[in-house]
Protein backbone atom coordinates (compact mmCIF):
# COMPACT_ATOMS: atom_id res chain seq x y z
CA MET A 1 122.24 165.17 141.12
CA VAL A 2 124.55 163.98 138.37
CA GLN A 3 122.86 164.91 135.10
CA SER A 4 125.68 167.15 133.78
CA GLY A 5 127.73 164.08 132.86
CA HIS A 6 131.14 165.56 133.67
CA GLY A 7 132.06 162.88 136.19
CA GLY A 8 131.23 164.63 139.45
CA GLY A 9 128.18 165.13 141.63
CA THR A 10 128.60 168.89 142.00
CA ASP A 11 126.04 171.38 140.66
CA ARG A 12 127.52 173.77 138.07
CA ASN A 13 126.47 177.34 137.28
CA THR A 14 128.60 177.51 134.12
CA PRO A 15 128.78 174.98 131.25
CA VAL A 16 131.05 171.94 131.62
CA GLN A 17 131.95 169.48 128.90
CA THR A 18 130.30 166.07 129.10
CA ARG A 19 132.99 163.42 129.20
CA SER A 20 133.73 160.78 126.56
CA LEU A 21 131.14 161.93 124.02
CA ASN A 22 131.74 163.06 120.46
CA THR A 23 129.97 162.98 117.06
CA ILE A 24 126.69 163.85 118.81
CA ILE A 25 123.74 164.64 116.54
CA SER A 26 120.85 164.89 119.02
CA ILE A 27 120.26 165.46 122.74
CA ALA A 28 117.33 165.26 125.17
CA GLY A 29 116.79 166.05 128.84
CA GLY A 30 114.41 164.53 131.39
CA GLY A 31 113.63 165.40 134.98
CA TYR A 32 117.10 164.44 136.26
CA HIS A 33 118.65 162.47 133.40
CA SER A 34 120.04 163.17 129.93
CA LEU A 35 120.31 161.37 126.58
CA ALA A 36 122.63 161.85 123.62
CA GLN A 37 122.51 160.24 120.19
CA LYS A 38 125.76 159.66 118.34
CA ALA A 39 126.20 159.64 114.58
CA ASP A 40 126.53 155.85 114.65
CA GLY A 41 122.94 155.57 115.96
CA THR A 42 123.85 154.58 119.52
CA ILE A 43 122.29 156.23 122.58
CA TRP A 44 124.23 157.31 125.66
CA THR A 45 122.66 158.33 128.98
CA TRP A 46 123.63 159.70 132.39
CA GLY A 47 122.13 161.15 135.57
CA LEU A 48 119.49 159.81 137.95
CA ASN A 49 118.68 156.14 137.40
CA GLN A 50 116.31 155.35 140.27
CA TYR A 51 113.73 153.82 137.93
CA GLY A 52 116.01 152.47 135.20
CA GLN A 53 115.59 155.55 133.01
CA LEU A 54 119.19 155.27 131.78
CA GLY A 55 118.45 151.94 130.11
CA ASP A 56 121.73 150.26 131.07
CA GLY A 57 120.13 147.38 132.97
CA THR A 58 120.80 148.88 136.41
CA ILE A 59 119.32 151.43 138.79
CA THR A 60 122.73 152.97 139.51
CA ASN A 61 123.09 156.73 139.02
CA ARG A 62 125.78 157.64 136.47
CA THR A 63 128.02 160.70 136.49
CA ILE A 64 129.47 159.91 133.06
CA PRO A 65 127.59 158.64 129.98
CA VAL A 66 126.82 154.93 129.60
CA LEU A 67 125.58 153.05 126.54
CA VAL A 68 121.90 152.11 126.39
CA ASN A 69 121.74 148.34 126.01
CA GLY A 70 120.68 146.92 122.65
CA ILE A 71 119.62 150.15 120.94
CA LYS A 72 121.05 151.43 117.66
CA ASP A 73 119.85 152.81 114.31
CA VAL A 74 117.83 155.49 116.12
CA SER A 75 116.20 158.43 114.36
CA MET A 76 114.76 160.38 117.32
CA ILE A 77 115.24 160.58 121.10
CA ARG A 78 113.06 162.11 123.80
CA CYS A 79 112.82 162.11 127.61
CA GLY A 80 109.90 162.18 129.98
CA GLY A 81 110.26 163.07 133.63
CA ASP A 82 111.75 159.70 134.58
CA HIS A 83 111.44 157.70 131.36
CA SER A 84 113.09 157.69 127.95
CA ILE A 85 111.71 157.13 124.44
CA VAL A 86 113.41 156.49 121.11
CA LEU A 87 112.13 156.05 117.58
CA LYS A 88 114.22 153.74 115.43
CA ASN A 89 114.78 154.01 111.70
CA ASN A 90 112.57 150.96 111.15
CA GLY A 91 109.63 152.83 112.68
CA THR A 92 109.52 151.01 116.02
CA ILE A 93 109.36 152.76 119.39
CA TRP A 94 111.48 151.61 122.33
CA ILE A 95 110.93 152.95 125.82
CA TRP A 96 112.26 152.43 129.37
CA GLY A 97 112.31 153.82 132.92
CA PHE A 98 109.52 154.75 135.33
CA ASN A 99 106.17 153.10 134.57
CA GLN A 100 103.89 153.61 137.57
CA HIS A 101 101.22 155.24 135.39
CA GLY A 102 101.71 153.08 132.29
CA GLN A 103 103.81 155.71 130.51
CA LEU A 104 105.94 153.02 128.85
CA GLY A 105 102.88 151.78 126.96
CA ASP A 106 103.77 148.10 127.38
CA ARG A 107 100.48 147.06 129.02
CA SER A 108 102.09 147.02 132.48
CA THR A 109 103.07 149.33 135.30
CA ASP A 110 106.47 147.70 135.85
CA ASN A 111 109.56 149.88 135.69
CA ARG A 112 112.06 148.87 132.98
CA SER A 113 115.84 149.29 133.18
CA THR A 114 116.38 148.17 129.58
CA PRO A 115 114.45 149.24 126.47
CA VAL A 116 111.20 147.46 125.66
CA PRO A 117 109.38 147.69 122.33
CA MET A 118 105.93 149.17 122.07
CA GLY A 119 103.14 147.37 120.23
CA ASP A 120 101.83 147.66 116.70
CA LEU A 121 102.27 151.38 116.21
CA LYS A 122 103.00 152.36 112.62
CA ASN A 123 103.67 155.46 110.56
CA ILE A 124 105.17 157.40 113.48
CA MET A 125 106.46 160.89 112.69
CA THR A 126 107.28 162.32 116.12
CA ILE A 127 107.53 161.17 119.73
CA ASP A 128 107.56 163.11 123.00
CA GLY A 129 107.51 162.54 126.75
CA GLY A 130 105.78 164.52 129.49
CA GLY A 131 106.20 164.21 133.22
CA ASP A 132 104.53 160.80 133.44
CA HIS A 133 102.89 160.51 130.02
CA SER A 134 103.96 159.99 126.42
CA LEU A 135 102.77 161.18 123.00
CA ILE A 136 103.23 160.25 119.37
CA LEU A 137 102.22 161.97 116.15
CA LYS A 138 101.32 159.69 113.26
CA SER A 139 101.70 160.51 109.58
CA ASP A 140 97.90 160.78 109.21
CA GLY A 141 97.92 163.80 111.54
CA THR A 142 96.47 162.03 114.58
CA VAL A 143 97.92 162.15 118.10
CA TRP A 144 98.14 159.13 120.38
CA THR A 145 98.88 159.29 124.10
CA TRP A 146 99.36 157.05 127.13
CA GLY A 147 100.43 157.16 130.79
CA ASN A 148 99.26 159.40 133.63
CA ASN A 149 95.94 161.12 132.94
CA GLU A 150 94.94 162.55 136.32
CA ASN A 151 94.69 166.04 134.83
CA GLY A 152 93.38 165.04 131.41
CA GLN A 153 96.79 165.25 129.74
CA LEU A 154 96.02 162.31 127.44
CA GLY A 155 93.22 164.29 125.78
CA ASP A 156 90.77 161.40 125.50
CA GLY A 157 87.94 163.04 127.47
CA THR A 158 88.68 161.12 130.68
CA THR A 159 91.05 161.24 133.62
CA MET A 160 91.81 157.51 133.43
CA SER A 161 95.48 156.61 133.09
CA ARG A 162 96.37 154.31 130.19
CA ALA A 163 99.07 151.65 129.78
CA THR A 164 98.51 151.47 126.01
CA PRO A 165 98.11 154.27 123.45
CA ILE A 166 94.74 155.95 122.95
CA GLN A 167 93.89 158.61 120.40
CA ALA A 168 93.60 162.19 121.64
CA SER A 169 90.01 163.01 120.74
CA THR A 170 88.93 165.66 118.21
CA LEU A 171 92.46 166.24 116.91
CA SER A 172 93.39 165.90 113.24
CA ASN A 173 95.75 167.52 110.76
CA VAL A 174 98.42 167.88 113.44
CA THR A 175 101.96 168.72 112.31
CA ALA A 176 103.85 169.01 115.62
CA ILE A 177 103.47 167.96 119.26
CA ALA A 178 105.02 168.86 122.60
CA SER A 179 104.37 168.09 126.24
CA GLY A 180 104.86 169.69 129.62
CA GLU A 181 104.90 168.11 133.03
CA GLN A 182 101.14 167.47 133.05
CA HIS A 183 99.83 168.98 129.82
CA SER A 184 100.15 168.44 126.08
CA ILE A 185 100.24 170.74 123.05
CA ALA A 186 99.62 170.25 119.33
CA LEU A 187 100.13 172.47 116.29
CA LYS A 188 97.69 171.95 113.43
CA SER A 189 98.30 172.52 109.73
CA ASP A 190 96.08 175.62 109.81
CA GLY A 191 98.48 177.27 112.27
CA THR A 192 96.28 176.91 115.34
CA ILE A 193 97.59 175.55 118.65
CA TRP A 194 95.57 173.18 120.80
CA ALA A 195 96.33 172.22 124.40
CA TRP A 196 94.95 169.93 127.10
CA GLY A 197 95.68 168.64 130.59
CA SER A 198 96.63 170.55 133.73
CA ASN A 199 95.77 174.25 133.63
CA ARG A 200 96.40 175.30 137.21
CA ASN A 201 98.71 178.09 136.10
CA GLY A 202 96.98 178.89 132.84
CA GLN A 203 99.37 176.79 130.77
CA LEU A 204 96.66 175.82 128.28
CA GLY A 205 96.22 179.43 127.18
CA ASP A 206 92.43 179.26 126.91
CA GLY A 207 91.72 182.14 129.30
CA SER A 208 90.92 179.89 132.26
CA ILE A 209 92.61 177.87 134.99
CA SER A 210 90.39 174.82 134.49
CA ASN A 211 91.94 171.48 133.57
CA ARG A 212 90.88 170.13 130.17
CA SER A 213 90.59 166.46 129.21
CA THR A 214 90.05 167.27 125.52
CA PRO A 215 92.02 169.73 123.37
CA VAL A 216 91.08 173.41 123.57
CA LEU A 217 92.16 176.22 121.29
CA VAL A 218 94.99 178.40 122.58
CA LYS A 219 93.74 181.97 122.34
CA ILE A 220 96.48 183.80 120.49
CA LYS A 221 95.42 187.25 119.30
């Protein structure tokens, strides 16, 4: 794999400097690809590009960073397993890469090698990407999700995958979100943590190993 961005395809067990990048203000890592945001608002990517997750209009793996086509003025970057998500300063979300489960939210299941805008989503505070699903937190404290839902990771009470955003049921007053490979997590304003999705290894923290398609309280003593 080539996600270290130093210009070679060799695994490294000590840090190496990523080539040709400076004035970096934010970074994100996916399954086998990486993103960096520069101070000028541009996004640079490298690593595996099998599904177009680098956003450079190709499916060619890159061992050094390349510019994401047509994206600037970005305020936040995130990676899913094989897709990438950015929030621009004007409040719009742009997304690209693997889309088999609808995780790009563009009403299709077509992979995209250049960024595509999402629909009429407004008042977005935070974005995040899971293995094959995506999340956003809106300013009203609600959470919206889309993509793969085979383990209930969208939190809508079903296991039906979605190619457009749907609200995670029963959640309000959320202040932060995060996602794992096949589960999702939310922090509420009262300090409680809620989780949903795959629970095979107990990653929902509810004292069970049962998958959950709606949020459950993480049992922190």
